[in-house]
Amino acid sequence: MVTLLCHVPNHSVNPVPVSSVAQHHINFEDALQQLRTTRKLAVKFPCDNVINVLAIVDTGSPVSLIKQNIVPSWSPPQVPPIASSGLVGINGSELVVLDQMFVDILPPDDEQPISMNINIVPDSTIKCDLLLGRNFLSHPRVVLTINSGSFEIDFKRSDIIPFDEILSIQINQNCKSNEINLNIEETLCSHVKSEIKNIVTSSYLNNSSLPSGLILCDPPELSVELKDSSLFHFNPRRLSFFEKDKLQIILDDLLARKIIKPSNSEYSSPIVLVKKKNGELRLCVD
C-alpha cells in the first residue's frame, strides 16, 4: 500500500492500493500497444519517395512537425535556420526548426494527395514520426468529427471541393451604395463628421458649377540651350586623407567580390561618400 504525504499538519490522503496502480500501468501499456498497431499514414516527399509514418494530431499546435531522420535524402541547408522560430512549447522552451518543405499526405483509398507545409525538427523534439497541427485540420478536405468520445478524421474527395482555400469575407448589411467613404478620423464627434460629408457632397459631388470633364492642356516643353558646342567639365570635390583611406578599403572589397573591375576608360563619374547610420561610409556615384 502506498501513502501520499504533503507535509502539511492536519492534512491526510487516503492510501492508494498497489493493485490500482498496477492496473493503471497495465491499461497504459495496452493503450500504448494499441497506438503502435494503428494504421500508419503515407507521406510522399519531394524526391517522390513514399514513406509510412506514425502520425498524431495535435490541435494545440499551429504547425506540423516531422522528425529529421524520417525525411529521405535530407541534408542541412546551406543557409543556417532562423535563430528564432517564434514557436514556444507548453513548457516555455523554443521550438528548433531545421528546415521546411511541402509534402503530400496520401489519404487511404483516395488518389488525390493533400499538399501541406511541414517543419523539420530534431528527432528529440517529438515522440511520433509526424505531428499534424492546425494547418492540417484547416484544410478544406479534412473533416474532424467526434464519435462516441473518440476523434475521427475523414477526407473529402477533391471533386466536391469548389474552392482551393478558405476565404475570409466581411459583409456590412448597413452599407449604402451611394455612401462615400472619406476615411474621417473616428475620434471626431458625429456632427463634425456629418458636416464634413455635407461639405464634400455639396461642394464637389453635387456642384453643378464644376466642369463635367477634365480640361487637358499640353505640358510645357523644357529646352536647354548651350552658348556654344565646346566641351566643358568641372573638377569634383577633393577627398580628405581619411576619406581616401576609407574609399580604398571599399574599392578593395568590391574588387575582391568581383562587383567592379579595373577600367582604363577616359570617362568617369564623380563619387560621393555618404555616412550611414552606424557611422560607416557608403560609396555613391553622382
C-alpha atoms as a PDB file:
ATOM      1  CA  MET A   1       0.000   0.000   0.000  1.00  0.00           C
ATOM      2  CA  VAL A   2       1.279   3.477  -0.960  1.00  0.00           C
ATOM      3  CA  THR A   3       0.614   6.611   1.161  1.00  0.00           C
ATOM      4  CA  LEU A   4       0.884  10.162  -0.248  1.00  0.00           C
ATOM      5  CA  LEU A   5       2.224  12.877   2.090  1.00  0.00           C
ATOM      6  CA  CYS A   6       2.060  16.667   1.570  1.00  0.00           C
ATOM      7  CA  HIS A   7       3.976  17.621   4.817  1.00  0.00           C
ATOM      8  CA  VAL A   8       1.162  19.947   5.998  1.00  0.00           C
ATOM      9  CA  PRO A   9      -0.418  19.494   9.515  1.00  0.00           C
ATOM     10  CA  ASN A  10      -3.940  18.023   9.689  1.00  0.00           C
ATOM     11  CA  HIS A  11      -3.818  17.005   6.001  1.00  0.00           C
ATOM     12  CA  SER A  12      -4.163  13.368   5.022  1.00  0.00           C
ATOM     13  CA  VAL A  13      -4.772  11.433   1.841  1.00  0.00           C
ATOM     14  CA  ASN A  14      -6.451   8.087   1.551  1.00  0.00           C
ATOM     15  CA  PRO A  15      -3.963   5.331   0.767  1.00  0.00           C
ATOM     16  CA  VAL A  16      -3.842   4.132  -2.812  1.00  0.00           C
ATOM     17  CA  PRO A  17      -3.867   0.365  -3.300  1.00  0.00           C
ATOM     18  CA  VAL A  18      -0.941  -1.026  -5.228  1.00  0.00           C
ATOM     19  CA  SER A  19      -3.269  -3.118  -7.324  1.00  0.00           C
ATOM     20  CA  SER A  20      -4.892   0.060  -8.682  1.00  0.00           C
ATOM     21  CA  VAL A  21      -1.505   1.447  -9.691  1.00  0.00           C
ATOM     22  CA  ALA A  22      -0.607  -1.804 -11.362  1.00  0.00           C
ATOM     23  CA  GLN A  23      -3.947  -1.882 -13.170  1.00  0.00           C
ATOM     24  CA  HIS A  24      -3.373   1.701 -14.385  1.00  0.00           C
ATOM     25  CA  HIS A  25       0.074   0.675 -15.613  1.00  0.00           C
ATOM     26  CA  ILE A  26      -1.420  -2.273 -17.470  1.00  0.00           C
ATOM     27  CA  ASN A  27      -4.068  -0.052 -19.066  1.00  0.00           C
ATOM     28  CA  PHE A  28      -1.373   2.405 -20.152  1.00  0.00           C
ATOM     29  CA  GLU A  29       0.627  -0.397 -21.748  1.00  0.00           C
ATOM     30  CA  ASP A  30      -2.493  -1.617 -23.561  1.00  0.00           C
ATOM     31  CA  ALA A  31      -3.168   1.886 -24.887  1.00  0.00           C
ATOM     32  CA  LEU A  32       0.437   2.208 -25.993  1.00  0.00           C
ATOM     33  CA  GLN A  33       0.296  -1.180 -27.726  1.00  0.00           C
ATOM     34  CA  GLN A  34      -2.932  -0.138 -29.454  1.00  0.00           C
ATOM     35  CA  LEU A  35      -1.253   3.063 -30.617  1.00  0.00           C
ATOM     36  CA  ARG A  36       1.642   1.110 -32.051  1.00  0.00           C
ATOM     37  CA  THR A  37      -0.671  -1.149 -34.056  1.00  0.00           C
ATOM     38  CA  THR A  38      -2.587   1.816 -35.533  1.00  0.00           C
ATOM     39  CA  ARG A  39      -2.506   2.027 -39.320  1.00  0.00           C
ATOM     40  CA  LYS A  40       0.199   4.424 -40.416  1.00  0.00           C
ATOM     41  CA  LEU A  41      -0.143   7.396 -42.753  1.00  0.00           C
ATOM     42  CA  ALA A  42       1.563   7.521 -46.148  1.00  0.00           C
ATOM     43  CA  VAL A  43       3.605  10.651 -46.894  1.00  0.00           C
ATOM     44  CA  LYS A  44       5.088  11.498 -50.294  1.00  0.00           C
ATOM     45  CA  PHE A  45       8.219  13.672 -50.219  1.00  0.00           C
ATOM     46  CA  PRO A  46       9.566  15.978 -52.976  1.00  0.00           C
ATOM     47  CA  CYS A  47      12.009  13.242 -54.043  1.00  0.00           C
ATOM     48  CA  ASP A  48       8.936  11.047 -54.896  1.00  0.00           C
ATOM     49  CA  ASN A  49       9.684   8.668 -52.017  1.00  0.00           C
ATOM     50  CA  VAL A  50       6.584   7.414 -50.174  1.00  0.00           C
ATOM     51  CA  ILE A  51       7.079   6.501 -46.506  1.00  0.00           C
ATOM     52  CA  ASN A  52       4.533   5.207 -43.994  1.00  0.00           C
ATOM     53  CA  VAL A  53       4.858   7.157 -40.747  1.00  0.00           C
ATOM     54  CA  LEU A  54       3.154   7.073 -37.349  1.00  0.00           C
ATOM     55  CA  ALA A  55       1.291  10.383 -37.106  1.00  0.00           C
ATOM     56  CA  ILE A  56      -0.709  12.043 -34.348  1.00  0.00           C
ATOM     57  CA  VAL A  57      -2.960  15.099 -34.476  1.00  0.00           C
ATOM     58  CA  ASP A  58      -2.294  17.981 -32.075  1.00  0.00           C
ATOM     59  CA  THR A  59      -4.973  20.685 -32.073  1.00  0.00           C
ATOM     60  CA  GLY A  60      -2.772  22.872 -29.864  1.00  0.00           C
ATOM     61  CA  SER A  61      -0.003  23.173 -32.449  1.00  0.00           C
ATOM     62  CA  PRO A  62      -0.443  25.727 -35.261  1.00  0.00           C
ATOM     63  CA  VAL A  63       2.164  23.973 -37.453  1.00  0.00           C
ATOM     64  CA  SER A  64       3.026  20.413 -38.436  1.00  0.00           C
ATOM     65  CA  LEU A  65       6.327  18.779 -37.453  1.00  0.00           C
ATOM     66  CA  ILE A  66       8.302  15.800 -38.730  1.00  0.00           C
ATOM     67  CA  LYS A  67      11.430  14.113 -37.408  1.00  0.00           C
ATOM     68  CA  GLN A  68      14.727  14.732 -39.130  1.00  0.00           C
ATOM     69  CA  ASN A  69      15.543  11.042 -39.685  1.00  0.00           C
ATOM     70  CA  ILE A  70      12.177  10.382 -41.353  1.00  0.00           C
ATOM     71  CA  VAL A  71      12.879  12.711 -44.290  1.00  0.00           C
ATOM     72  CA  PRO A  72      14.728  10.750 -47.005  1.00  0.00           C
ATOM     73  CA  SER A  73      17.900  12.189 -48.535  1.00  0.00           C
ATOM     74  CA  TRP A  74      17.674  15.311 -46.395  1.00  0.00           C
ATOM     75  CA  SER A  75      20.756  17.358 -45.602  1.00  0.00           C
ATOM     76  CA  PRO A  76      21.015  20.592 -43.605  1.00  0.00           C
ATOM     77  CA  PRO A  77      20.513  23.691 -45.793  1.00  0.00           C
ATOM     78  CA  GLN A  78      23.471  25.840 -46.789  1.00  0.00           C
ATOM     79  CA  VAL A  79      21.861  28.836 -45.090  1.00  0.00           C
ATOM     80  CA  PRO A  80      21.540  28.227 -41.322  1.00  0.00           C
ATOM     81  CA  PRO A  81      17.981  28.214 -39.920  1.00  0.00           C
ATOM     82  CA  ILE A  82      16.458  31.327 -38.425  1.00  0.00           C
ATOM     83  CA  ALA A  83      17.719  31.994 -34.912  1.00  0.00           C
ATOM     84  CA  SER A  84      14.196  32.387 -33.519  1.00  0.00           C
ATOM     85  CA  SER A  85      11.284  30.381 -34.921  1.00  0.00           C
ATOM     86  CA  GLY A  86       8.741  32.267 -32.823  1.00  0.00           C
ATOM     87  CA  LEU A  87       7.145  28.991 -31.661  1.00  0.00           C
ATOM     88  CA  VAL A  88       7.165  28.058 -27.979  1.00  0.00           C
ATOM     89  CA  GLY A  89       6.034  24.815 -26.356  1.00  0.00           C
ATOM     90  CA  ILE A  90       3.911  24.285 -23.265  1.00  0.00           C
ATOM     91  CA  ASN A  91       6.977  24.288 -21.008  1.00  0.00           C
ATOM     92  CA  GLY A  92       8.162  27.603 -22.470  1.00  0.00           C
ATOM     93  CA  SER A  93      11.029  26.123 -24.491  1.00  0.00           C
ATOM     94  CA  GLU A  94      11.554  27.442 -28.009  1.00  0.00           C
ATOM     95  CA  LEU A  95      10.958  25.133 -30.965  1.00  0.00           C
ATOM     96  CA  VAL A  96      14.074  24.452 -33.057  1.00  0.00           C
ATOM     97  CA  VAL A  97      13.199  24.291 -36.774  1.00  0.00           C
ATOM     98  CA  LEU A  98      15.899  22.868 -39.069  1.00  0.00           C
ATOM     99  CA  ASP A  99      14.112  23.313 -42.391  1.00  0.00           C
ATOM    100  CA  GLN A 100      10.712  23.464 -44.113  1.00  0.00           C
ATOM    101  CA  MET A 101       9.265  21.610 -47.081  1.00  0.00           C
ATOM    102  CA  PHE A 102       5.984  20.789 -48.807  1.00  0.00           C
ATOM    103  CA  VAL A 103       4.873  17.142 -48.696  1.00  0.00           C
ATOM    104  CA  ASP A 104       1.819  15.251 -49.947  1.00  0.00           C
ATOM    105  CA  ILE A 105      -0.357  13.433 -47.423  1.00  0.00           C
ATOM    106  CA  LEU A 106      -1.851  10.379 -49.151  1.00  0.00           C
ATOM    107  CA  PRO A 107      -5.311   9.659 -47.707  1.00  0.00           C
ATOM    108  CA  PRO A 108      -6.419   5.997 -47.685  1.00  0.00           C
ATOM    109  CA  ASP A 109      -8.472   4.962 -50.729  1.00  0.00           C
ATOM    110  CA  ASP A 110      -8.001   8.364 -52.369  1.00  0.00           C
ATOM    111  CA  GLU A 111      -5.816   9.174 -55.341  1.00  0.00           C
ATOM    112  CA  GLN A 112      -5.677  12.930 -54.736  1.00  0.00           C
ATOM    113  CA  PRO A 113      -2.984  13.905 -52.165  1.00  0.00           C
ATOM    114  CA  ILE A 114      -3.203  16.764 -49.681  1.00  0.00           C
ATOM    115  CA  SER A 115      -0.267  19.156 -50.053  1.00  0.00           C
ATOM    116  CA  MET A 116       0.877  20.891 -46.882  1.00  0.00           C
ATOM    117  CA  ASN A 117       3.911  22.607 -45.383  1.00  0.00           C
ATOM    118  CA  ILE A 118       5.759  20.882 -42.540  1.00  0.00           C
ATOM    119  CA  ASN A 119       8.706  21.854 -40.329  1.00  0.00           C
ATOM    120  CA  ILE A 120      11.687  19.519 -39.974  1.00  0.00           C
ATOM    121  CA  VAL A 121      12.754  19.291 -36.318  1.00  0.00           C
ATOM    122  CA  PRO A 122      15.396  17.290 -34.400  1.00  0.00           C
ATOM    123  CA  ASP A 123      14.482  13.716 -33.502  1.00  0.00           C
ATOM    124  CA  SER A 124      14.276  14.523 -29.784  1.00  0.00           C
ATOM    125  CA  THR A 125      11.530  17.121 -30.317  1.00  0.00           C
ATOM    126  CA  ILE A 126       8.567  14.738 -30.751  1.00  0.00           C
ATOM    127  CA  LYS A 127       7.940  11.070 -29.902  1.00  0.00           C
ATOM    128  CA  CYS A 128       5.968  10.198 -33.030  1.00  0.00           C
ATOM    129  CA  ASP A 129       7.211  10.397 -36.606  1.00  0.00           C
ATOM    130  CA  LEU A 130       4.805  13.132 -37.749  1.00  0.00           C
ATOM    131  CA  LEU A 131       2.789  15.671 -35.766  1.00  0.00           C
ATOM    132  CA  LEU A 132      -0.153  17.170 -37.656  1.00  0.00           C
ATOM    133  CA  GLY A 133      -1.173  20.620 -36.414  1.00  0.00           C
ATOM    134  CA  ARG A 134      -3.988  23.015 -37.141  1.00  0.00           C
ATOM    135  CA  ASN A 135      -2.690  23.785 -40.629  1.00  0.00           C
ATOM    136  CA  PHE A 136      -3.613  20.184 -41.467  1.00  0.00           C
ATOM    137  CA  LEU A 137      -7.032  20.345 -39.782  1.00  0.00           C
ATOM    138  CA  SER A 138      -7.882  23.630 -41.530  1.00  0.00           C
ATOM    139  CA  HIS A 139      -7.541  22.046 -44.975  1.00  0.00           C
ATOM    140  CA  PRO A 140     -10.943  22.028 -46.735  1.00  0.00           C
ATOM    141  CA  ARG A 141     -10.681  18.296 -47.473  1.00  0.00           C
ATOM    142  CA  VAL A 142     -10.011  17.292 -43.860  1.00  0.00           C
ATOM    143  CA  VAL A 143     -13.093  16.714 -41.670  1.00  0.00           C
ATOM    144  CA  LEU A 144     -12.693  16.216 -37.907  1.00  0.00           C
ATOM    145  CA  THR A 145     -15.656  14.586 -36.108  1.00  0.00           C
ATOM    146  CA  ILE A 146     -16.303  13.162 -32.629  1.00  0.00           C
ATOM    147  CA  ASN A 147     -17.872   9.695 -32.480  1.00  0.00           C
ATOM    148  CA  SER A 148     -18.600   8.077 -29.083  1.00  0.00           C
ATOM    149  CA  GLY A 149     -15.972  10.201 -27.370  1.00  0.00           C
ATOM    150  CA  SER A 150     -13.253   9.481 -29.930  1.00  0.00           C
ATOM    151  CA  PHE A 151     -11.951  11.757 -32.665  1.00  0.00           C
ATOM    152  CA  GLU A 152     -12.243  10.606 -36.258  1.00  0.00           C
ATOM    153  CA  ILE A 153     -10.683  12.179 -39.342  1.00  0.00           C
ATOM    154  CA  ASP A 154     -12.256  11.785 -42.761  1.00  0.00           C
ATOM    155  CA  PHE A 155     -11.068  13.002 -46.130  1.00  0.00           C
ATOM    156  CA  LYS A 156     -13.364  14.546 -48.723  1.00  0.00           C
ATOM    157  CA  ARG A 157     -12.951  13.865 -52.395  1.00  0.00           C
ATOM    158  CA  SER A 158     -11.255  16.609 -54.352  1.00  0.00           C
ATOM    159  CA  ASP A 159     -14.070  16.767 -56.934  1.00  0.00           C
ATOM    160  CA  ILE A 160     -16.582  18.089 -54.371  1.00  0.00           C
ATOM    161  CA  ILE A 161     -14.401  20.975 -53.213  1.00  0.00           C
ATOM    162  CA  PRO A 162     -15.457  24.052 -55.220  1.00  0.00           C
ATOM    163  CA  PHE A 163     -12.600  26.212 -53.927  1.00  0.00           C
ATOM    164  CA  ASP A 164      -8.880  25.952 -53.257  1.00  0.00           C
ATOM    165  CA  GLU A 165      -8.699  27.869 -49.983  1.00  0.00           C
ATOM    166  CA  ILE A 166     -10.914  29.228 -47.238  1.00  0.00           C
ATOM    167  CA  LEU A 167     -11.741  32.885 -47.812  1.00  0.00           C
ATOM    168  CA  SER A 168     -12.468  35.395 -45.068  1.00  0.00           C
ATOM    169  CA  ILE A 169     -15.227  37.745 -46.262  1.00  0.00           C
ATOM    170  CA  GLN A 170     -16.791  40.526 -44.213  1.00  0.00           C
ATOM    171  CA  ILE A 171     -20.240  41.859 -45.170  1.00  0.00           C
ATOM    172  CA  ASN A 172     -21.798  45.048 -43.828  1.00  0.00           C
ATOM    173  CA  GLN A 173     -25.574  44.957 -44.238  1.00  0.00           C
ATOM    174  CA  ASN A 174     -25.964  48.634 -43.317  1.00  0.00           C
ATOM    175  CA  CYS A 175     -23.657  49.905 -46.054  1.00  0.00           C
ATOM    176  CA  LYS A 176     -25.380  52.018 -48.710  1.00  0.00           C
ATOM    177  CA  SER A 177     -24.182  52.078 -52.293  1.00  0.00           C
ATOM    178  CA  ASN A 178     -24.364  55.878 -52.549  1.00  0.00           C
ATOM    179  CA  GLU A 179     -22.481  56.498 -49.312  1.00  0.00           C
ATOM    180  CA  ILE A 180     -18.994  57.908 -49.735  1.00  0.00           C
ATOM    181  CA  ASN A 181     -16.052  56.826 -47.623  1.00  0.00           C
ATOM    182  CA  LEU A 182     -13.874  59.811 -46.700  1.00  0.00           C
ATOM    183  CA  ASN A 183     -11.780  57.978 -44.089  1.00  0.00           C
ATOM    184  CA  ILE A 184     -12.587  60.581 -41.426  1.00  0.00           C
ATOM    185  CA  GLU A 185     -10.910  60.370 -38.035  1.00  0.00           C
ATOM    186  CA  GLU A 186     -13.043  58.151 -35.789  1.00  0.00           C
ATOM    187  CA  THR A 187     -12.346  60.220 -32.663  1.00  0.00           C
ATOM    188  CA  LEU A 188     -14.275  63.222 -34.042  1.00  0.00           C
ATOM    189  CA  CYS A 189     -17.833  63.922 -32.957  1.00  0.00           C
ATOM    190  CA  SER A 190     -20.671  62.609 -35.094  1.00  0.00           C
ATOM    191  CA  HIS A 191     -21.943  66.089 -36.018  1.00  0.00           C
ATOM    192  CA  VAL A 192     -18.436  67.112 -37.169  1.00  0.00           C
ATOM    193  CA  LYS A 193     -18.145  64.039 -39.410  1.00  0.00           C
ATOM    194  CA  SER A 194     -21.635  64.674 -40.788  1.00  0.00           C
ATOM    195  CA  GLU A 195     -20.746  68.293 -41.558  1.00  0.00           C
ATOM    196  CA  ILE A 196     -17.595  67.242 -43.403  1.00  0.00           C
ATOM    197  CA  LYS A 197     -19.586  64.818 -45.556  1.00  0.00           C
ATOM    198  CA  ASN A 198     -22.162  67.509 -46.336  1.00  0.00           C
ATOM    199  CA  ILE A 199     -19.431  69.944 -47.414  1.00  0.00           C
ATOM    200  CA  VAL A 200     -17.835  67.391 -49.726  1.00  0.00           C
ATOM    201  CA  THR A 201     -21.200  66.367 -51.174  1.00  0.00           C
ATOM    202  CA  SER A 202     -22.482  69.901 -51.783  1.00  0.00           C
ATOM    203  CA  SER A 203     -19.199  71.470 -52.921  1.00  0.00           C
ATOM    204  CA  TYR A 204     -17.783  68.670 -55.054  1.00  0.00           C
ATOM    205  CA  LEU A 205     -20.209  65.842 -55.816  1.00  0.00           C
ATOM    206  CA  ASN A 206     -23.412  67.834 -56.406  1.00  0.00           C
ATOM    207  CA  ASN A 207     -21.896  71.130 -57.526  1.00  0.00           C
ATOM    208  CA  SER A 208     -23.228  71.994 -60.996  1.00  0.00           C
ATOM    209  CA  SER A 209     -20.765  74.864 -61.422  1.00  0.00           C
ATOM    210  CA  LEU A 210     -17.841  72.484 -61.744  1.00  0.00           C
ATOM    211  CA  PRO A 211     -16.890  71.408 -65.296  1.00  0.00           C
ATOM    212  CA  SER A 212     -18.195  67.996 -66.245  1.00  0.00           C
ATOM    213  CA  GLY A 213     -14.919  66.895 -67.807  1.00  0.00           C
ATOM    214  CA  LEU A 214     -11.251  67.416 -67.261  1.00  0.00           C
ATOM    215  CA  ILE A 215      -9.574  70.205 -69.180  1.00  0.00           C
ATOM    216  CA  LEU A 216      -6.482  68.796 -70.836  1.00  0.00           C
ATOM    217  CA  CYS A 217      -3.569  71.060 -71.566  1.00  0.00           C
ATOM    218  CA  ASP A 218      -0.236  70.377 -73.147  1.00  0.00           C
ATOM    219  CA  PRO A 219       2.612  70.266 -70.641  1.00  0.00           C
ATOM    220  CA  PRO A 220       5.267  72.935 -71.106  1.00  0.00           C
ATOM    221  CA  GLU A 221       8.324  71.888 -73.033  1.00  0.00           C
ATOM    222  CA  LEU A 222      11.681  72.433 -71.406  1.00  0.00           C
ATOM    223  CA  SER A 223      14.747  73.066 -73.514  1.00  0.00           C
ATOM    224  CA  VAL A 224      18.393  73.573 -72.616  1.00  0.00           C
ATOM    225  CA  GLU A 225      20.322  75.908 -74.930  1.00  0.00           C
ATOM    226  CA  LEU A 226      24.118  75.913 -74.839  1.00  0.00           C
ATOM    227  CA  LYS A 227      26.086  79.002 -75.729  1.00  0.00           C
ATOM    228  CA  ASP A 228      28.464  77.043 -77.940  1.00  0.00           C
ATOM    229  CA  SER A 229      29.355  73.457 -78.751  1.00  0.00           C
ATOM    230  CA  SER A 230      32.706  73.438 -76.955  1.00  0.00           C
ATOM    231  CA  LEU A 231      33.376  70.797 -74.301  1.00  0.00           C
ATOM    232  CA  PHE A 232      33.218  71.744 -70.673  1.00  0.00           C
ATOM    233  CA  HIS A 233      33.979  69.980 -67.418  1.00  0.00           C
ATOM    234  CA  PHE A 234      34.250  70.644 -63.715  1.00  0.00           C
ATOM    235  CA  ASN A 235      36.536  69.291 -61.052  1.00  0.00           C
ATOM    236  CA  PRO A 236      34.970  67.007 -58.441  1.00  0.00           C
ATOM    237  CA  ARG A 237      35.273  67.713 -54.764  1.00  0.00           C
ATOM    238  CA  ARG A 238      38.620  66.709 -53.334  1.00  0.00           C
ATOM    239  CA  LEU A 239      38.611  63.934 -50.751  1.00  0.00           C
ATOM    240  CA  SER A 240      40.441  64.191 -47.475  1.00  0.00           C
ATOM    241  CA  PHE A 241      43.138  61.700 -46.478  1.00  0.00           C
ATOM    242  CA  PHE A 242      40.685  59.985 -44.108  1.00  0.00           C
ATOM    243  CA  GLU A 243      38.081  59.641 -46.872  1.00  0.00           C
ATOM    244  CA  LYS A 244      40.700  58.345 -49.321  1.00  0.00           C
ATOM    245  CA  ASP A 245      41.686  55.572 -46.907  1.00  0.00           C
ATOM    246  CA  LYS A 246      38.038  54.582 -46.393  1.00  0.00           C
ATOM    247  CA  LEU A 247      37.415  54.721 -50.150  1.00  0.00           C
ATOM    248  CA  GLN A 248      40.367  52.430 -50.840  1.00  0.00           C
ATOM    249  CA  ILE A 249      39.007  49.879 -48.329  1.00  0.00           C
ATOM    250  CA  ILE A 250      35.601  49.955 -50.050  1.00  0.00           C
ATOM    251  CA  LEU A 251      37.154  49.580 -53.516  1.00  0.00           C
ATOM    252  CA  ASP A 252      39.365  46.680 -52.402  1.00  0.00           C
ATOM    253  CA  ASP A 253      36.304  44.906 -51.006  1.00  0.00           C
ATOM    254  CA  LEU A 254      34.307  45.429 -54.222  1.00  0.00           C
ATOM    255  CA  LEU A 255      37.225  44.197 -56.320  1.00  0.00           C
ATOM    256  CA  ALA A 256      37.656  41.109 -54.130  1.00  0.00           C
ATOM    257  CA  ARG A 257      33.970  40.238 -54.526  1.00  0.00           C
ATOM    258  CA  LYS A 258      34.194  40.908 -58.299  1.00  0.00           C
ATOM    259  CA  ILE A 259      31.443  43.512 -58.158  1.00  0.00           C
ATOM    260  CA  ILE A 260      33.655  46.008 -60.005  1.00  0.00           C
ATOM    261  CA  LYS A 261      36.775  45.632 -62.137  1.00  0.00           C
ATOM    262  CA  PRO A 262      39.605  47.973 -63.141  1.00  0.00           C
ATOM    263  CA  SER A 263      38.914  50.271 -66.100  1.00  0.00           C
ATOM    264  CA  ASN A 264      41.125  52.446 -68.309  1.00  0.00           C
ATOM    265  CA  SER A 265      38.288  54.460 -69.835  1.00  0.00           C
ATOM    266  CA  GLU A 266      38.746  58.208 -70.260  1.00  0.00           C
ATOM    267  CA  TYR A 267      35.222  58.798 -68.988  1.00  0.00           C
ATOM    268  CA  SER A 268      34.393  58.710 -65.302  1.00  0.00           C
ATOM    269  CA  SER A 269      31.704  59.769 -62.859  1.00  0.00           C
ATOM    270  CA  PRO A 270      32.296  61.627 -59.610  1.00  0.00           C
ATOM    271  CA  ILE A 271      31.783  59.664 -56.431  1.00  0.00           C
ATOM    272  CA  VAL A 272      30.309  60.791 -53.145  1.00  0.00           C
ATOM    273  CA  LEU A 273      30.861  59.216 -49.732  1.00  0.00           C
ATOM    274  CA  VAL A 274      27.640  59.212 -47.709  1.00  0.00           C
ATOM    275  CA  LYS A 275      27.672  58.442 -43.995  1.00  0.00           C
ATOM    276  CA  LYS A 276      25.471  55.564 -42.799  1.00  0.00           C
ATOM    277  CA  LYS A 277      23.519  55.453 -39.544  1.00  0.00           C
ATOM    278  CA  ASN A 278      26.252  53.350 -37.927  1.00  0.00           C
ATOM    279  CA  GLY A 279      28.940  55.907 -38.833  1.00  0.00           C
ATOM    280  CA  GLU A 280      30.476  53.977 -41.742  1.00  0.00           C
ATOM    281  CA  LEU A 281      30.778  55.419 -45.244  1.00  0.00           C
ATOM    282  CA  ARG A 282      28.797  54.276 -48.294  1.00  0.00           C
ATOM    283  CA  LEU A 283      30.112  54.695 -51.846  1.00  0.00           C
ATOM    284  CA  CYS A 284      27.681  56.508 -54.158  1.00  0.00           C
ATOM    285  CA  VAL A 285      28.055  57.611 -57.777  1.00  0.00           C
ATOM    286  CA  ASP A 286      26.877  61.138 -58.514  1.00  0.00           C
END
